[in-house]
Amino acid sequence: MDGDATDLGRRGFLTGRRNTPRPIRPPWSMSEFFTSLCSRCDACVDACPEAILRPGDGGFPEADFTLGECSFCGACAEACPEPIFDRATRPWALAVGVTDRCLAARRVVCRSCQDACPESAIRFAPAPGGAAHARIDGDACTGCGACVASCPAGAVTLHAQPAPTIPPGGPHAS
């Protein structure tokens, strides 16, 4: 383990938050280098026009989709003085989920997340008994978070996926 890397498992154990999900860093940020390169200056937080970035654990910026969605404007990457962002990659590697708190799964007519999704990545499939279940098209989902902010039950979740393996020599080494 690098000397500058943060051991989130150990930190979670010591703070009593063992099962908290990985923080979602700003779009295009290289998560494997993030805590060692980020100076916690809040330039990206201040630059975000949607105000979804906020200081998180240890002062490192995190996306909070309960505050709104990301428009992928790139203001956070442009404002950052550190070499943390790589806009040649996908903004995020996020997994979308819908918990059992979903109103539609409880037979309450609700399609808020589907209506809010600009990519039409959420559809509701009818099920026996009349309850509809949300289906996520992972290929169409951009991870913008519009579905999270719009869900009245807080049933839609986005979680950071583990960072891809980076070849020796950095992200652009061949």
Protein backbone atom coordinates (compact mmCIF):
# COMPACT_ATOMS: atom_id res chain seq x y z
CA MET A 1 0.00 0.00 0.00
CA ASP A 2 1.33 3.44 -0.88
CA GLY A 3 2.34 5.71 1.98
CA ASP A 4 -0.13 8.40 0.89
CA ALA A 5 -3.11 6.13 0.24
CA THR A 6 -6.01 6.10 2.64
CA ASP A 7 -7.06 2.69 3.96
CA LEU A 8 -10.83 3.16 3.89
CA GLY A 9 -11.47 -0.20 5.54
CA ARG A 10 -9.35 0.67 8.54
CA ARG A 11 -10.73 4.20 8.72
CA GLY A 12 -14.29 2.84 8.62
CA PHE A 13 -13.54 0.41 11.41
CA LEU A 14 -11.96 3.08 13.61
CA THR A 15 -14.77 5.59 13.03
CA GLY A 16 -17.55 3.04 13.47
CA ARG A 17 -18.71 3.36 9.85
CA ARG A 18 -17.66 -0.02 8.56
CA ASN A 19 -20.21 -0.54 5.81
CA THR A 20 -20.29 2.89 4.25
CA PRO A 21 -20.02 2.85 0.45
CA ARG A 22 -16.97 4.17 -1.35
CA PRO A 23 -17.27 7.92 -1.86
CA ILE A 24 -18.12 9.09 -5.35
CA ARG A 25 -15.41 11.52 -6.34
CA PRO A 26 -15.91 14.28 -8.95
CA PRO A 27 -16.40 13.07 -12.54
CA TRP A 28 -13.27 12.15 -14.50
CA SER A 29 -11.16 12.10 -11.37
CA MET A 30 -8.70 9.25 -11.16
CA SER A 31 -9.86 7.58 -7.96
CA GLU A 32 -6.74 5.46 -7.53
CA PHE A 33 -4.62 8.63 -7.18
CA PHE A 34 -7.25 10.91 -5.71
CA THR A 35 -6.37 11.06 -2.01
CA SER A 36 -2.65 11.31 -2.72
CA LEU A 37 -3.01 14.17 -5.26
CA CYS A 38 -5.99 16.16 -3.98
CA SER A 39 -4.97 19.19 -1.91
CA ARG A 40 -8.54 19.61 -0.57
CA CYS A 41 -8.62 23.21 -1.79
CA ASP A 42 -12.36 22.96 -2.66
CA ALA A 43 -11.81 24.56 -6.08
CA CYS A 44 -13.91 21.82 -7.69
CA VAL A 45 -16.61 22.17 -5.02
CA ASP A 46 -16.81 25.93 -5.57
CA ALA A 47 -16.82 25.55 -9.38
CA CYS A 48 -19.69 23.04 -9.59
CA PRO A 49 -22.72 24.93 -10.98
CA GLU A 50 -25.10 22.18 -9.80
CA ALA A 51 -23.62 22.31 -6.27
CA ILE A 52 -23.53 18.51 -5.98
CA LEU A 53 -19.89 18.41 -4.87
CA ARG A 54 -19.22 18.84 -1.18
CA PRO A 55 -16.32 18.19 1.18
CA GLY A 56 -16.61 14.63 2.45
CA ASP A 57 -14.61 12.40 4.76
CA GLY A 58 -11.21 13.92 5.41
CA GLY A 59 -12.15 17.04 3.43
CA PHE A 60 -11.92 15.25 0.07
CA PRO A 61 -14.65 16.26 -2.40
CA GLU A 62 -17.53 13.86 -2.99
CA ALA A 63 -20.59 13.92 -5.23
CA ASP A 64 -23.88 14.02 -3.32
CA PHE A 65 -26.66 13.16 -5.75
CA THR A 66 -29.37 13.90 -3.22
CA LEU A 67 -28.58 17.55 -4.01
CA GLY A 68 -29.13 17.18 -7.76
CA GLU A 69 -27.60 15.78 -10.90
CA CYS A 70 -24.30 16.20 -12.72
CA SER A 71 -24.51 17.94 -16.10
CA PHE A 72 -20.95 16.85 -17.02
CA CYS A 73 -20.01 20.47 -17.71
CA GLY A 74 -16.40 19.88 -16.68
CA ALA A 75 -16.16 22.97 -14.45
CA CYS A 76 -14.75 20.87 -11.58
CA ALA A 77 -11.95 19.48 -13.76
CA GLU A 78 -11.12 22.91 -15.18
CA ALA A 79 -10.96 24.52 -11.73
CA CYS A 80 -8.69 21.91 -10.15
CA PRO A 81 -5.01 22.91 -9.90
CA GLU A 82 -3.89 19.28 -9.41
CA PRO A 83 -3.41 16.57 -12.10
CA ILE A 84 -6.35 14.51 -10.84
CA PHE A 85 -8.73 14.65 -13.80
CA ASP A 86 -8.61 12.68 -17.06
CA ARG A 87 -11.43 13.85 -19.32
CA ALA A 88 -10.48 11.29 -21.98
CA THR A 89 -12.15 8.60 -19.86
CA ARG A 90 -15.73 7.90 -18.74
CA PRO A 91 -16.83 10.32 -16.01
CA TRP A 92 -17.59 7.56 -13.52
CA ALA A 93 -17.74 3.82 -13.03
CA LEU A 94 -20.94 3.66 -10.99
CA ALA A 95 -23.35 0.88 -10.15
CA VAL A 96 -27.03 1.84 -9.98
CA GLY A 97 -29.40 0.06 -7.66
CA VAL A 98 -32.99 0.27 -6.52
CA THR A 99 -33.74 -0.83 -2.97
CA ASP A 100 -36.92 -2.38 -1.60
CA ARG A 101 -38.03 1.11 -0.48
CA CYS A 102 -39.09 1.77 -4.10
CA LEU A 103 -42.70 2.97 -4.08
CA ALA A 104 -43.53 1.19 -7.34
CA ALA A 105 -42.42 -2.13 -5.84
CA ARG A 106 -44.89 -1.43 -3.00
CA ARG A 107 -47.74 -0.96 -5.47
CA VAL A 108 -47.71 2.84 -5.33
CA VAL A 109 -47.73 4.46 -8.75
CA CYS A 110 -44.41 6.26 -9.05
CA ARG A 111 -42.09 6.71 -11.99
CA SER A 112 -40.10 9.70 -10.71
CA CYS A 113 -36.71 8.17 -11.45
CA GLN A 114 -37.77 7.10 -14.96
CA ASP A 115 -39.17 10.56 -15.69
CA ALA A 116 -36.00 12.28 -14.43
CA CYS A 117 -33.54 10.09 -16.36
CA PRO A 118 -32.27 12.04 -19.39
CA GLU A 119 -30.90 8.83 -20.98
CA SER A 120 -34.07 6.72 -20.53
CA ALA A 121 -31.94 4.15 -18.70
CA ILE A 122 -34.74 3.31 -16.25
CA ARG A 123 -37.84 1.41 -17.26
CA PHE A 124 -40.54 -0.25 -15.21
CA ALA A 125 -41.47 -3.82 -16.00
CA PRO A 126 -44.89 -5.03 -14.90
CA ALA A 127 -44.86 -8.01 -12.56
CA PRO A 128 -47.53 -10.46 -11.42
CA GLY A 129 -49.77 -8.90 -8.80
CA GLY A 130 -49.56 -5.40 -10.26
CA ALA A 131 -46.29 -4.21 -8.72
CA ALA A 132 -43.84 -2.81 -11.24
CA HIS A 133 -40.10 -3.26 -10.82
CA ALA A 134 -37.46 -0.79 -11.96
CA ARG A 135 -35.01 -2.12 -14.53
CA ILE A 136 -31.74 -0.28 -15.12
CA ASP A 137 -29.99 -0.31 -18.48
CA GLY A 138 -26.39 -0.10 -17.31
CA ASP A 139 -25.10 0.63 -20.81
CA ALA A 140 -27.38 3.67 -21.20
CA CYS A 141 -26.79 5.03 -17.68
CA THR A 142 -24.27 7.87 -17.51
CA GLY A 143 -24.26 8.12 -13.72
CA CYS A 144 -25.59 11.68 -13.72
CA GLY A 145 -27.62 11.09 -10.54
CA ALA A 146 -30.88 12.63 -11.73
CA CYS A 147 -32.71 9.48 -10.61
CA VAL A 148 -31.30 9.69 -7.08
CA ALA A 149 -32.35 13.29 -6.54
CA SER A 150 -35.86 12.69 -7.89
CA CYS A 151 -36.75 9.57 -5.89
CA PRO A 152 -39.17 10.52 -3.10
CA ALA A 153 -38.40 7.33 -1.16
CA GLY A 154 -34.61 7.48 -1.44
CA ALA A 155 -34.67 4.05 -3.08
CA VAL A 156 -32.27 4.74 -5.97
CA THR A 157 -28.59 4.42 -5.15
CA LEU A 158 -25.35 5.01 -7.01
CA HIS A 159 -22.16 3.39 -5.76
CA ALA A 160 -18.58 3.80 -6.94
CA GLN A 161 -17.14 0.71 -8.56
CA PRO A 162 -13.59 -0.33 -7.71
CA ALA A 163 -11.02 1.56 -9.77
CA PRO A 164 -9.72 -0.25 -12.86
CA THR A 165 -6.17 -1.55 -12.71
CA ILE A 166 -3.73 1.08 -13.96
CA PRO A 167 -0.71 -0.14 -15.91
CA PRO A 168 2.76 0.60 -14.47
CA GLY A 169 3.82 4.08 -15.52
CA GLY A 170 0.41 5.72 -15.11
CA PRO A 171 -2.96 5.84 -16.81
CA HIS A 172 -1.67 6.53 -20.34
CA ALA A 173 1.23 4.05 -20.43
CA SER A 174 1.08 1.53 -23.25
